[in-house]
């Protein structure tokens, strides 16, 4: 259930239609929906990969460390790790944290 809430929050943040994925392949190809172009499309693909990683980490914390996982915490991790990934992938990109949080990709 955590994954569904995450996808809803991510689609709202990135201003794309809700993401419906019935398999891992569907999820990893969801950025190809045609709505986003250029760097936004690449950013969305990276965000989906980061989200999968953050969900995996949250699942492991809940399963093996008995830690209660909060959707907002995982979503915050997705945003911050996604920002670091995007900022370092495009070194000459002057994107700021504020722009990233609004999903304004320069």
PDB file of N, CA and C in Angstrom:
ATOM      1  N   UNK A   1       0.820  -1.189   0.000  1.00  0.00           N
ATOM      2  CA  UNK A   1       0.000   0.000   0.000  1.00  0.00           C
ATOM      3  C   UNK A   1       0.868   1.258   0.000  1.00  0.00           C
ATOM      4  N   UNK A   2       2.002   1.183   0.655  1.00  0.00           N
ATOM      5  CA  UNK A   2       2.913   2.318   0.702  1.00  0.00           C
ATOM      6  C   UNK A   2       3.320   2.740  -0.705  1.00  0.00           C
ATOM      7  N   UNK A   3       3.584   1.766  -1.574  1.00  0.00           N
ATOM      8  CA  UNK A   3       3.991   2.062  -2.945  1.00  0.00           C
ATOM      9  C   UNK A   3       2.928   2.841  -3.705  1.00  0.00           C
ATOM     10  N   UNK A   4       1.666   2.492  -3.531  1.00  0.00           N
ATOM     11  CA  UNK A   4       0.578   3.181  -4.208  1.00  0.00           C
ATOM     12  C   UNK A   4       0.501   4.635  -3.766  1.00  0.00           C
ATOM     13  N   UNK A   5       0.622   4.883  -2.461  1.00  0.00           N
ATOM     14  CA  UNK A   5       0.612   6.259  -1.962  1.00  0.00           C
ATOM     15  C   UNK A   5       1.797   7.046  -2.498  1.00  0.00           C
ATOM     16  N   UNK A   6       2.945   6.389  -2.586  1.00  0.00           N
ATOM     17  CA  UNK A   6       4.140   7.050  -3.118  1.00  0.00           C
ATOM     18  C   UNK A   6       3.923   7.460  -4.565  1.00  0.00           C
ATOM     19  N   UNK A   7       3.406   6.550  -5.387  1.00  0.00           N
ATOM     20  CA  UNK A   7       3.178   6.859  -6.797  1.00  0.00           C
ATOM     21  C   UNK A   7       2.193   8.006  -6.962  1.00  0.00           C
ATOM     22  N   UNK A   8       1.183   8.059  -6.111  1.00  0.00           N
ATOM     23  CA  UNK A   8       0.212   9.147  -6.165  1.00  0.00           C
ATOM     24  C   UNK A   8       0.887  10.474  -5.838  1.00  0.00           C
ATOM     25  N   UNK A   9       1.684  10.496  -4.795  1.00  0.00           N
ATOM     26  CA  UNK A   9       2.391  11.723  -4.410  1.00  0.00           C
ATOM     27  C   UNK A   9       3.381  12.146  -5.495  1.00  0.00           C
ATOM     28  N   UNK A  10       4.069  11.188  -6.088  1.00  0.00           N
ATOM     29  CA  UNK A  10       5.041  11.500  -7.136  1.00  0.00           C
ATOM     30  C   UNK A  10       4.340  12.052  -8.370  1.00  0.00           C
ATOM     31  N   UNK A  11       3.240  11.444  -8.783  1.00  0.00           N
ATOM     32  CA  UNK A  11       2.548  11.945  -9.972  1.00  0.00           C
ATOM     33  C   UNK A  11       1.991  13.353  -9.733  1.00  0.00           C
ATOM     34  N   UNK A  12       1.512  13.631  -8.536  1.00  0.00           N
ATOM     35  CA  UNK A  12       1.047  14.995  -8.223  1.00  0.00           C
ATOM     36  C   UNK A  12       2.207  15.985  -8.250  1.00  0.00           C
ATOM     37  N   UNK A  13       3.309  15.610  -7.621  1.00  0.00           N
ATOM     38  CA  UNK A  13       4.483  16.487  -7.568  1.00  0.00           C
ATOM     39  C   UNK A  13       4.991  16.793  -8.977  1.00  0.00           C
ATOM     40  N   UNK A  14       5.067  15.794  -9.829  1.00  0.00           N
ATOM     41  CA  UNK A  14       5.607  15.971 -11.182  1.00  0.00           C
ATOM     42  C   UNK A  14       4.546  16.424 -12.180  1.00  0.00           C
ATOM     43  N   UNK A  15       3.332  16.622 -11.708  1.00  0.00           N
ATOM     44  CA  UNK A  15       2.219  17.099 -12.528  1.00  0.00           C
ATOM     45  C   UNK A  15       1.995  16.214 -13.761  1.00  0.00           C
ATOM     46  N   UNK A  16       1.914  14.917 -13.498  1.00  0.00           N
ATOM     47  CA  UNK A  16       1.603  13.943 -14.548  1.00  0.00           C
ATOM     48  C   UNK A  16       0.371  13.153 -14.106  1.00  0.00           C
ATOM     49  N   UNK A  17      -0.327  12.539 -15.061  1.00  0.00           N
ATOM     50  CA  UNK A  17      -1.479  11.718 -14.675  1.00  0.00           C
ATOM     51  C   UNK A  17      -1.052  10.611 -13.713  1.00  0.00           C
ATOM     52  N   UNK A  18      -1.974  10.095 -12.942  1.00  0.00           N
ATOM     53  CA  UNK A  18      -1.630   9.010 -12.008  1.00  0.00           C
ATOM     54  C   UNK A  18      -0.903   7.870 -12.716  1.00  0.00           C
ATOM     55  N   UNK A  19       0.047   7.314 -12.009  1.00  0.00           N
ATOM     56  CA  UNK A  19       0.853   6.222 -12.553  1.00  0.00           C
ATOM     57  C   UNK A  19       0.205   4.904 -12.142  1.00  0.00           C
ATOM     58  N   UNK A  20      -0.167   4.113 -13.133  1.00  0.00           N
ATOM     59  CA  UNK A  20      -0.707   2.785 -12.882  1.00  0.00           C
ATOM     60  C   UNK A  20       0.281   1.776 -13.449  1.00  0.00           C
ATOM     61  N   UNK A  21       0.849   0.990 -12.588  1.00  0.00           N
ATOM     62  CA  UNK A  21       1.838   0.007 -13.012  1.00  0.00           C
ATOM     63  C   UNK A  21       1.418  -1.365 -12.515  1.00  0.00           C
ATOM     64  N   UNK A  22       1.355  -2.304 -13.432  1.00  0.00           N
ATOM     65  CA  UNK A  22       0.968  -3.658 -13.071  1.00  0.00           C
ATOM     66  C   UNK A  22       2.169  -4.584 -13.000  1.00  0.00           C
ATOM     67  N   UNK A  23       3.331  -4.049 -13.339  1.00  0.00           N
ATOM     68  CA  UNK A  23       4.568  -4.814 -13.255  1.00  0.00           C
ATOM     69  C   UNK A  23       5.722  -3.837 -13.071  1.00  0.00           C
ATOM     70  N   UNK A  24       6.872  -4.361 -12.744  1.00  0.00           N
ATOM     71  CA  UNK A  24       8.068  -3.521 -12.614  1.00  0.00           C
ATOM     72  C   UNK A  24       8.388  -2.864 -13.946  1.00  0.00           C
ATOM     73  N   UNK A  25       8.212  -3.612 -15.020  1.00  0.00           N
ATOM     74  CA  UNK A  25       8.466  -3.060 -16.354  1.00  0.00           C
ATOM     75  C   UNK A  25       7.551  -1.863 -16.623  1.00  0.00           C
ATOM     76  N   UNK A  26       6.252  -2.000 -16.294  1.00  0.00           N
ATOM     77  CA  UNK A  26       5.319  -0.874 -16.463  1.00  0.00           C
ATOM     78  C   UNK A  26       5.792   0.345 -15.686  1.00  0.00           C
ATOM     79  N   UNK A  27       6.216   0.128 -14.475  1.00  0.00           N
ATOM     80  CA  UNK A  27       6.668   1.224 -13.626  1.00  0.00           C
ATOM     81  C   UNK A  27       7.899   1.899 -14.217  1.00  0.00           C
ATOM     82  N   UNK A  28       8.878   1.112 -14.630  1.00  0.00           N
ATOM     83  CA  UNK A  28      10.118   1.674 -15.156  1.00  0.00           C
ATOM     84  C   UNK A  28       9.936   2.340 -16.518  1.00  0.00           C
ATOM     85  N   UNK A  29       8.850   2.019 -17.211  1.00  0.00           N
ATOM     86  CA  UNK A  29       8.587   2.646 -18.505  1.00  0.00           C
ATOM     87  C   UNK A  29       7.512   3.728 -18.422  1.00  0.00           C
ATOM     88  N   UNK A  30       7.044   4.038 -17.231  1.00  0.00           N
ATOM     89  CA  UNK A  30       5.968   5.014 -17.071  1.00  0.00           C
ATOM     90  C   UNK A  30       6.371   6.418 -17.527  1.00  0.00           C
ATOM     91  N   UNK A  31       7.656   6.717 -17.548  1.00  0.00           N
ATOM     92  CA  UNK A  31       8.111   8.037 -17.996  1.00  0.00           C
ATOM     93  C   UNK A  31       7.928   8.220 -19.506  1.00  0.00           C
ATOM     94  N   UNK A  32       7.644   7.144 -20.219  1.00  0.00           N
ATOM     95  CA  UNK A  32       7.485   7.202 -21.670  1.00  0.00           C
ATOM     96  C   UNK A  32       6.059   7.558 -22.085  1.00  0.00           C
ATOM     97  N   UNK A  33       5.266   8.063 -21.174  1.00  0.00           N
ATOM     98  CA  UNK A  33       3.851   8.319 -21.450  1.00  0.00           C
ATOM     99  C   UNK A  33       3.596   9.447 -22.447  1.00  0.00           C
ATOM    100  N   UNK A  34       4.632  10.174 -22.861  1.00  0.00           N
ATOM    101  CA  UNK A  34       4.478  11.202 -23.880  1.00  0.00           C
ATOM    102  C   UNK A  34       4.152  12.589 -23.366  1.00  0.00           C
ATOM    103  N   UNK A  35       3.862  12.718 -22.102  1.00  0.00           N
ATOM    104  CA  UNK A  35       3.509  14.032 -21.552  1.00  0.00           C
ATOM    105  C   UNK A  35       4.757  14.877 -21.314  1.00  0.00           C
ATOM    106  N   UNK A  36       5.801  14.241 -20.800  1.00  0.00           N
ATOM    107  CA  UNK A  36       7.034  14.956 -20.482  1.00  0.00           C
ATOM    108  C   UNK A  36       8.020  14.863 -21.640  1.00  0.00           C
ATOM    109  N   UNK A  37       8.837  15.873 -21.783  1.00  0.00           N
ATOM    110  CA  UNK A  37       9.839  15.917 -22.846  1.00  0.00           C
ATOM    111  C   UNK A  37      11.211  16.243 -22.249  1.00  0.00           C
ATOM    112  N   UNK A  38      12.258  15.880 -22.952  1.00  0.00           N
ATOM    113  CA  UNK A  38      13.620  16.255 -22.605  1.00  0.00           C
ATOM    114  C   UNK A  38      14.048  15.881 -21.201  1.00  0.00           C
ATOM    115  N   UNK A  39      14.584  16.874 -20.503  1.00  0.00           N
ATOM    116  CA  UNK A  39      15.113  16.634 -19.161  1.00  0.00           C
ATOM    117  C   UNK A  39      14.035  16.243 -18.167  1.00  0.00           C
ATOM    118  N   UNK A  40      12.816  16.745 -18.357  1.00  0.00           N
ATOM    119  CA  UNK A  40      11.731  16.355 -17.451  1.00  0.00           C
ATOM    120  C   UNK A  40      11.452  14.858 -17.560  1.00  0.00           C
ATOM    121  N   UNK A  41      11.500  14.348 -18.776  1.00  0.00           N
ATOM    122  CA  UNK A  41      11.280  12.920 -19.004  1.00  0.00           C
ATOM    123  C   UNK A  41      12.387  12.102 -18.338  1.00  0.00           C
ATOM    124  N   UNK A  42      13.636  12.544 -18.523  1.00  0.00           N
ATOM    125  CA  UNK A  42      14.766  11.860 -17.893  1.00  0.00           C
ATOM    126  C   UNK A  42      14.691  11.962 -16.378  1.00  0.00           C
ATOM    127  N   UNK A  43      14.283  13.132 -15.876  1.00  0.00           N
ATOM    128  CA  UNK A  43      14.147  13.315 -14.424  1.00  0.00           C
ATOM    129  C   UNK A  43      13.090  12.373 -13.868  1.00  0.00           C
ATOM    130  N   UNK A  44      11.977  12.246 -14.569  1.00  0.00           N
ATOM    131  CA  UNK A  44      10.904  11.355 -14.113  1.00  0.00           C
ATOM    132  C   UNK A  44      11.386   9.912 -14.062  1.00  0.00           C
ATOM    133  N   UNK A  45      12.150   9.498 -15.058  1.00  0.00           N
ATOM    134  CA  UNK A  45      12.696   8.133 -15.052  1.00  0.00           C
ATOM    135  C   UNK A  45      13.603   7.939 -13.832  1.00  0.00           C
ATOM    136  N   UNK A  46      14.465   8.913 -13.558  1.00  0.00           N
ATOM    137  CA  UNK A  46      15.333   8.839 -12.379  1.00  0.00           C
ATOM    138  C   UNK A  46      14.545   8.829 -11.085  1.00  0.00           C
ATOM    139  N   UNK A  47      13.492   9.623 -11.020  1.00  0.00           N
ATOM    140  CA  UNK A  47      12.654   9.676  -9.817  1.00  0.00           C
ATOM    141  C   UNK A  47      12.005   8.320  -9.561  1.00  0.00           C
ATOM    142  N   UNK A  48      11.536   7.670 -10.612  1.00  0.00           N
ATOM    143  CA  UNK A  48      10.920   6.348 -10.459  1.00  0.00           C
ATOM    144  C   UNK A  48      11.941   5.342  -9.928  1.00  0.00           C
ATOM    145  N   UNK A  49      13.153   5.389 -10.457  1.00  0.00           N
ATOM    146  CA  UNK A  49      14.205   4.467  -9.986  1.00  0.00           C
ATOM    147  C   UNK A  49      14.551   4.765  -8.528  1.00  0.00           C
ATOM    148  N   UNK A  50      14.696   6.044  -8.193  1.00  0.00           N
ATOM    149  CA  UNK A  50      14.979   6.434  -6.803  1.00  0.00           C
ATOM    150  C   UNK A  50      13.825   6.010  -5.895  1.00  0.00           C
ATOM    151  N   UNK A  51      12.590   6.165  -6.363  1.00  0.00           N
ATOM    152  CA  UNK A  51      11.426   5.769  -5.557  1.00  0.00           C
ATOM    153  C   UNK A  51      11.450   4.265  -5.275  1.00  0.00           C
ATOM    154  N   UNK A  52      11.807   3.477  -6.273  1.00  0.00           N
ATOM    155  CA  UNK A  52      11.908   2.026  -6.060  1.00  0.00           C
ATOM    156  C   UNK A  52      12.946   1.717  -4.983  1.00  0.00           C
ATOM    157  N   UNK A  53      14.074   2.400  -5.043  1.00  0.00           N
ATOM    158  CA  UNK A  53      15.131   2.205  -4.064  1.00  0.00           C
ATOM    159  C   UNK A  53      14.659   2.608  -2.660  1.00  0.00           C
ATOM    160  N   UNK A  54      14.018   3.768  -2.562  1.00  0.00           N
ATOM    161  CA  UNK A  54      13.537   4.246  -1.256  1.00  0.00           C
ATOM    162  C   UNK A  54      12.459   3.330  -0.689  1.00  0.00           C
ATOM    163  N   UNK A  55      11.587   2.821  -1.541  1.00  0.00           N
ATOM    164  CA  UNK A  55      10.569   1.881  -1.075  1.00  0.00           C
ATOM    165  C   UNK A  55      11.200   0.581  -0.598  1.00  0.00           C
ATOM    166  N   UNK A  56      12.228   0.134  -1.294  1.00  0.00           N
ATOM    167  CA  UNK A  56      12.933  -1.090  -0.885  1.00  0.00           C
ATOM    168  C   UNK A  56      13.580  -0.891   0.490  1.00  0.00           C
ATOM    169  N   UNK A  57      14.225   0.241   0.672  1.00  0.00           N
ATOM    170  CA  UNK A  57      14.855   0.528   1.961  1.00  0.00           C
ATOM    171  C   UNK A  57      13.803   0.616   3.073  1.00  0.00           C
ATOM    172  N   UNK A  58      12.681   1.281   2.798  1.00  0.00           N
ATOM    173  CA  UNK A  58      11.613   1.414   3.794  1.00  0.00           C
ATOM    174  C   UNK A  58      11.027   0.049   4.133  1.00  0.00           C
ATOM    175  N   UNK A  59      10.840  -0.775   3.125  1.00  0.00           N
ATOM    176  CA  UNK A  59      10.329  -2.133   3.349  1.00  0.00           C
ATOM    177  C   UNK A  59      11.266  -2.920   4.246  1.00  0.00           C
ATOM    178  N   UNK A  60      12.557  -2.822   3.987  1.00  0.00           N
ATOM    179  CA  UNK A  60      13.534  -3.550   4.802  1.00  0.00           C
ATOM    180  C   UNK A  60      13.571  -3.042   6.239  1.00  0.00           C
ATOM    181  N   UNK A  61      13.450  -1.729   6.422  1.00  0.00           N
ATOM    182  CA  UNK A  61      13.411  -1.181   7.784  1.00  0.00           C
ATOM    183  C   UNK A  61      12.195  -1.700   8.538  1.00  0.00           C
ATOM    184  N   UNK A  62      11.056  -1.737   7.853  1.00  0.00           N
ATOM    185  CA  UNK A  62       9.828  -2.224   8.493  1.00  0.00           C
ATOM    186  C   UNK A  62       9.923  -3.715   8.794  1.00  0.00           C
ATOM    187  N   UNK A  63      10.447  -4.463   7.868  1.00  0.00           N
ATOM    188  CA  UNK A  63      10.485  -5.921   7.993  1.00  0.00           C
ATOM    189  C   UNK A  63      11.543  -6.398   8.990  1.00  0.00           C
ATOM    190  N   UNK A  64      12.739  -5.834   8.903  1.00  0.00           N
ATOM    191  CA  UNK A  64      13.851  -6.353   9.685  1.00  0.00           C
ATOM    192  C   UNK A  64      14.190  -5.546  10.938  1.00  0.00           C
ATOM    193  N   UNK A  65      13.787  -4.284  10.987  1.00  0.00           N
ATOM    194  CA  UNK A  65      14.099  -3.457  12.152  1.00  0.00           C
ATOM    195  C   UNK A  65      12.851  -3.011  12.897  1.00  0.00           C
ATOM    196  N   UNK A  66      11.712  -3.479  12.441  1.00  0.00           N
ATOM    197  CA  UNK A  66      10.429  -3.147  13.069  1.00  0.00           C
ATOM    198  C   UNK A  66      10.238  -1.634  13.207  1.00  0.00           C
ATOM    199  N   UNK A  67      10.624  -0.904  12.167  1.00  0.00           N
ATOM    200  CA  UNK A  67      10.484   0.545  12.133  1.00  0.00           C
ATOM    201  C   UNK A  67       9.187   0.887  11.404  1.00  0.00           C
ATOM    202  N   UNK A  68       8.383   1.760  12.004  1.00  0.00           N
ATOM    203  CA  UNK A  68       7.145   2.185  11.342  1.00  0.00           C
ATOM    204  C   UNK A  68       7.508   3.154  10.220  1.00  0.00           C
ATOM    205  N   UNK A  69       7.073   2.842   9.021  1.00  0.00           N
ATOM    206  CA  UNK A  69       7.403   3.637   7.846  1.00  0.00           C
ATOM    207  C   UNK A  69       6.298   4.657   7.596  1.00  0.00           C
ATOM    208  N   UNK A  70       6.693   5.887   7.366  1.00  0.00           N
ATOM    209  CA  UNK A  70       5.754   6.974   7.088  1.00  0.00           C
ATOM    210  C   UNK A  70       5.884   7.367   5.615  1.00  0.00           C
ATOM    211  N   UNK A  71       4.750   7.509   4.954  1.00  0.00           N
ATOM    212  CA  UNK A  71       4.736   7.856   3.536  1.00  0.00           C
ATOM    213  C   UNK A  71       5.466   9.175   3.291  1.00  0.00           C
ATOM    214  N   UNK A  72       5.201  10.185   4.119  1.00  0.00           N
ATOM    215  CA  UNK A  72       5.841  11.488   3.926  1.00  0.00           C
ATOM    216  C   UNK A  72       7.360  11.414   4.058  1.00  0.00           C
ATOM    217  N   UNK A  73       7.852  10.565   4.940  1.00  0.00           N
ATOM    218  CA  UNK A  73       9.299  10.397   5.100  1.00  0.00           C
ATOM    219  C   UNK A  73       9.904   9.769   3.836  1.00  0.00           C
ATOM    220  N   UNK A  74       9.262   8.732   3.330  1.00  0.00           N
ATOM    221  CA  UNK A  74       9.763   8.075   2.114  1.00  0.00           C
ATOM    222  C   UNK A  74       9.693   9.046   0.939  1.00  0.00           C
ATOM    223  N   UNK A  75       8.600   9.792   0.834  1.00  0.00           N
ATOM    224  CA  UNK A  75       8.469  10.768  -0.245  1.00  0.00           C
ATOM    225  C   UNK A  75       9.559  11.837  -0.137  1.00  0.00           C
ATOM    226  N   UNK A  76       9.842  12.303   1.059  1.00  0.00           N
ATOM    227  CA  UNK A  76      10.931  13.269   1.265  1.00  0.00           C
ATOM    228  C   UNK A  76      12.275  12.699   0.839  1.00  0.00           C
ATOM    229  N   UNK A  77      12.492  11.427   1.139  1.00  0.00           N
ATOM    230  CA  UNK A  77      13.727  10.763   0.705  1.00  0.00           C
ATOM    231  C   UNK A  77      13.814  10.695  -0.818  1.00  0.00           C
ATOM    232  N   UNK A  78      12.694  10.404  -1.458  1.00  0.00           N
ATOM    233  CA  UNK A  78      12.662  10.347  -2.929  1.00  0.00           C
ATOM    234  C   UNK A  78      13.021  11.709  -3.507  1.00  0.00           C
ATOM    235  N   UNK A  79      12.433  12.765  -2.963  1.00  0.00           N
ATOM    236  CA  UNK A  79      12.719  14.108  -3.476  1.00  0.00           C
ATOM    237  C   UNK A  79      14.179  14.492  -3.272  1.00  0.00           C
ATOM    238  N   UNK A  80      14.704  14.246  -2.078  1.00  0.00           N
ATOM    239  CA  UNK A  80      16.082  14.673  -1.811  1.00  0.00           C
ATOM    240  C   UNK A  80      17.103  13.828  -2.567  1.00  0.00           C
ATOM    241  N   UNK A  81      16.933  12.514  -2.586  1.00  0.00           N
ATOM    242  CA  UNK A  81      17.870  11.677  -3.342  1.00  0.00           C
ATOM    243  C   UNK A  81      17.736  11.917  -4.848  1.00  0.00           C
ATOM    244  N   UNK A  82      16.499  12.154  -5.296  1.00  0.00           N
ATOM    245  CA  UNK A  82      16.287  12.477  -6.709  1.00  0.00           C
ATOM    246  C   UNK A  82      16.981  13.772  -7.095  1.00  0.00           C
ATOM    247  N   UNK A  83      16.901  14.766  -6.214  1.00  0.00           N
ATOM    248  CA  UNK A  83      17.575  16.042  -6.473  1.00  0.00           C
ATOM    249  C   UNK A  83      19.084  15.842  -6.576  1.00  0.00           C
ATOM    250  N   UNK A  84      19.654  15.104  -5.648  1.00  0.00           N
ATOM    251  CA  UNK A  84      21.108  14.860  -5.693  1.00  0.00           C
ATOM    252  C   UNK A  84      21.500  14.122  -6.962  1.00  0.00           C
ATOM    253  N   UNK A  85      20.703  13.125  -7.347  1.00  0.00           N
ATOM    254  CA  UNK A  85      20.980  12.381  -8.572  1.00  0.00           C
ATOM    255  C   UNK A  85      20.930  13.315  -9.781  1.00  0.00           C
ATOM    256  N   UNK A  86      19.847  14.098  -9.904  1.00  0.00           N
ATOM    257  CA  UNK A  86      19.663  14.960 -11.070  1.00  0.00           C
ATOM    258  C   UNK A  86      20.720  16.054 -11.121  1.00  0.00           C
ATOM    259  N   UNK A  87      20.995  16.651  -9.984  1.00  0.00           N
ATOM    260  CA  UNK A  87      21.982  17.741  -9.922  1.00  0.00           C
ATOM    261  C   UNK A  87      23.365  17.246 -10.340  1.00  0.00           C
ATOM    262  N   UNK A  88      23.728  16.040  -9.944  1.00  0.00           N
ATOM    263  CA  UNK A  88      25.042  15.499 -10.293  1.00  0.00           C
ATOM    264  C   UNK A  88      25.080  14.900 -11.686  1.00  0.00           C
ATOM    265  N   UNK A  89      23.951  14.486 -12.204  1.00  0.00           N
ATOM    266  CA  UNK A  89      23.909  13.926 -13.562  1.00  0.00           C
ATOM    267  C   UNK A  89      24.095  15.025 -14.600  1.00  0.00           C
ATOM    268  N   UNK A  90      23.540  16.181 -14.349  1.00  0.00           N
ATOM    269  CA  UNK A  90      23.642  17.323 -15.257  1.00  0.00           C
ATOM    270  C   UNK A  90      24.412  18.432 -14.547  1.00  0.00           C
ATOM    271  N   UNK A  91      25.715  18.347 -14.593  1.00  0.00           N
ATOM    272  CA  UNK A  91      26.577  19.239 -13.807  1.00  0.00           C
ATOM    273  C   UNK A  91      26.397  20.716 -14.140  1.00  0.00           C
ATOM    274  N   UNK A  92      26.069  21.058 -15.378  1.00  0.00           N
ATOM    275  CA  UNK A  92      25.900  22.465 -15.758  1.00  0.00           C
ATOM    276  C   UNK A  92      24.466  22.946 -15.598  1.00  0.00           C
ATOM    277  N   UNK A  93      23.651  22.158 -14.942  1.00  0.00           N
ATOM    278  CA  UNK A  93      22.258  22.518 -14.738  1.00  0.00           C
ATOM    279  C   UNK A  93      22.138  23.341 -13.449  1.00  0.00           C
ATOM    280  N   UNK A  94      21.662  24.572 -13.568  1.00  0.00           N
ATOM    281  CA  UNK A  94      21.583  25.440 -12.375  1.00  0.00           C
ATOM    282  C   UNK A  94      20.325  25.222 -11.533  1.00  0.00           C
ATOM    283  N   UNK A  95      19.720  24.043 -11.581  1.00  0.00           N
ATOM    284  CA  UNK A  95      18.481  23.809 -10.837  1.00  0.00           C
ATOM    285  C   UNK A  95      18.709  23.997  -9.337  1.00  0.00           C
ATOM    286  N   UNK A  96      17.747  24.594  -8.700  1.00  0.00           N
ATOM    287  CA  UNK A  96      17.808  24.817  -7.254  1.00  0.00           C
ATOM    288  C   UNK A  96      16.867  23.843  -6.555  1.00  0.00           C
ATOM    289  N   UNK A  97      17.035  23.716  -5.259  1.00  0.00           N
ATOM    290  CA  UNK A  97      16.153  22.857  -4.478  1.00  0.00           C
ATOM    291  C   UNK A  97      14.702  23.336  -4.597  1.00  0.00           C
ATOM    292  N   UNK A  98      14.491  24.647  -4.585  1.00  0.00           N
ATOM    293  CA  UNK A  98      13.152  25.210  -4.697  1.00  0.00           C
ATOM    294  C   UNK A  98      12.515  24.827  -6.034  1.00  0.00           C
ATOM    295  N   UNK A  99      13.275  24.962  -7.129  1.00  0.00           N
ATOM    296  CA  UNK A  99      12.755  24.559  -8.442  1.00  0.00           C
ATOM    297  C   UNK A  99      12.463  23.070  -8.483  1.00  0.00           C
ATOM    298  N   UNK A 100      13.357  22.269  -7.894  1.00  0.00           N
ATOM    299  CA  UNK A 100      13.163  20.827  -7.881  1.00  0.00           C
ATOM    300  C   UNK A 100      11.864  20.470  -7.151  1.00  0.00           C
ATOM    301  N   UNK A 101      11.628  21.113  -6.026  1.00  0.00           N
ATOM    302  CA  UNK A 101      10.420  20.822  -5.252  1.00  0.00           C
ATOM    303  C   UNK A 101       9.153  21.209  -6.007  1.00  0.00           C
ATOM    304  N   UNK A 102       9.267  22.158  -6.930  1.00  0.00           N
ATOM    305  CA  UNK A 102       8.135  22.539  -7.771  1.00  0.00           C
ATOM    306  C   UNK A 102       8.144  21.766  -9.088  1.00  0.00           C
ATOM    307  N   UNK A 103       9.135  20.908  -9.282  1.00  0.00           N
ATOM    308  CA  UNK A 103       9.368  20.157 -10.508  1.00  0.00           C
ATOM    309  C   UNK A 103       9.469  21.077 -11.713  1.00  0.00           C
ATOM    310  N   UNK A 104      10.301  22.119 -11.548  1.00  0.00           N
ATOM    311  CA  UNK A 104      10.629  23.030 -12.644  1.00  0.00           C
ATOM    312  C   UNK A 104      12.022  22.642 -13.102  1.00  0.00           C
ATOM    313  N   UNK A 105      12.093  21.868 -14.181  1.00  0.00           N
ATOM    314  CA  UNK A 105      13.375  21.388 -14.686  1.00  0.00           C
ATOM    315  C   UNK A 105      13.865  22.366 -15.741  1.00  0.00           C
ATOM    316  N   UNK A 106      15.043  22.943 -15.521  1.00  0.00           N
ATOM    317  CA  UNK A 106      15.583  23.954 -16.440  1.00  0.00           C
ATOM    318  C   UNK A 106      16.239  23.317 -17.642  1.00  0.00           C
TER     319      UNK A 106
END
